[in-house]
Protein backbone atom coordinates (compact mmCIF):
# COMPACT_ATOMS: atom_id res chain seq x y z
CA MET A 1 68.53 119.32 29.23
CA ALA A 2 69.44 120.65 32.67
CA GLN A 3 69.23 117.09 33.99
CA GLU A 4 72.19 116.10 31.79
CA TYR A 5 74.33 118.71 33.50
CA LEU A 6 73.04 117.71 36.91
CA PHE A 7 74.01 114.08 36.24
CA VAL A 8 77.63 115.03 35.49
CA TYR A 9 77.64 117.26 38.56
CA SER A 10 76.25 114.51 40.82
CA ARG A 11 78.89 112.06 39.61
CA LEU A 12 81.63 114.66 40.15
CA LYS A 13 80.31 115.36 43.63
CA LEU A 14 80.45 111.63 44.45
CA LEU A 15 83.96 111.20 43.06
CA ILE A 16 85.27 114.30 44.83
CA LYS A 17 83.82 113.09 48.12
CA GLU A 18 85.36 109.62 47.64
CA ALA A 19 88.73 111.27 46.94
CA HIS A 20 88.43 113.35 50.15
CA LYS A 21 89.00 116.54 48.19
CA SER A 22 87.10 119.78 47.58
CA PHE A 23 85.75 121.09 44.30
CA ASN A 24 88.28 123.93 44.46
CA GLN A 25 91.17 121.54 45.05
CA VAL A 26 90.23 119.41 42.04
CA GLU A 27 89.80 122.52 39.89
CA ARG A 28 93.29 123.71 40.88
CA GLU A 29 94.82 120.30 40.17
CA LEU A 30 93.17 120.16 36.74
CA GLY A 31 94.07 123.79 35.98
CA TYR A 32 90.43 124.89 35.68
CA PRO A 33 89.13 128.32 36.69
CA ARG A 34 87.41 128.50 40.08
CA ASN A 35 83.78 127.26 40.15
CA THR A 36 84.11 125.51 36.78
CA LEU A 37 82.93 122.19 38.21
CA LYS A 38 80.16 123.70 40.31
CA ASN A 39 78.84 125.50 37.21
CA TYR A 40 77.93 122.08 35.79
CA LYS A 41 75.19 121.87 38.41
CA TYR A 42 72.90 124.31 36.61
CA LYS A 43 74.18 126.27 33.72
CA LYS A 44 77.15 124.91 31.87
CA LYS A 45 77.76 121.77 29.85
CA PRO A 46 81.29 120.32 30.06
CA SER A 47 83.22 120.07 26.81
CA VAL A 48 84.27 116.68 25.46
CA GLY A 49 87.85 117.51 26.40
CA ARG A 50 86.92 118.33 29.97
CA VAL A 51 84.87 115.15 30.33
CA PHE A 52 87.90 113.17 29.13
CA GLU A 53 90.24 115.01 31.52
CA MET A 54 87.93 114.50 34.50
CA ALA A 55 87.45 110.81 33.71
CA ASN A 56 91.23 110.36 33.55
CA TYR A 57 91.75 112.36 36.74
CA PHE A 58 89.31 110.18 38.70
CA ASN A 59 90.30 106.98 36.87
CA VAL A 60 86.73 106.26 35.76
CA SER A 61 85.15 105.71 32.37
CA ILE A 62 83.62 108.54 30.42
CA GLU A 63 80.42 106.50 30.38
CA PHE A 64 80.30 106.49 34.18
CA LEU A 65 80.86 110.23 34.37
CA LEU A 66 78.04 110.83 31.87
CA GLY A 67 75.66 108.47 33.67
CA MET A 68 75.71 105.73 31.06
CA GLU A 69 77.21 103.18 33.51
CA GLU A 70 76.41 102.51 37.14
CA GLU A 71 79.81 101.15 38.19
CA THR A 72 82.88 103.33 38.48
CA ASP A 73 84.99 100.65 36.77
CA LYS A 74 88.15 101.88 38.47
CA THR A 75 91.26 99.95 37.59
CA SER A 76 94.00 98.98 40.00
CA LEU A 77 97.46 100.34 39.34
């Protein structure tokens, strides 16, 4: 069960690094309390709404964020 959370966290970590941002910066931009995203590393499961918001924020599929796809499938604007 903890591996599920770790997968979301590892994808977030990758996306945040690619965006050249910090966890705290992304949390502020999404309106989340501090350390919300880092809590997904060990102890907290993201809600469906949060997964949707994060996927939209990073322009990736929900499936990618949850580890069900290998490609980011980002679309060009």
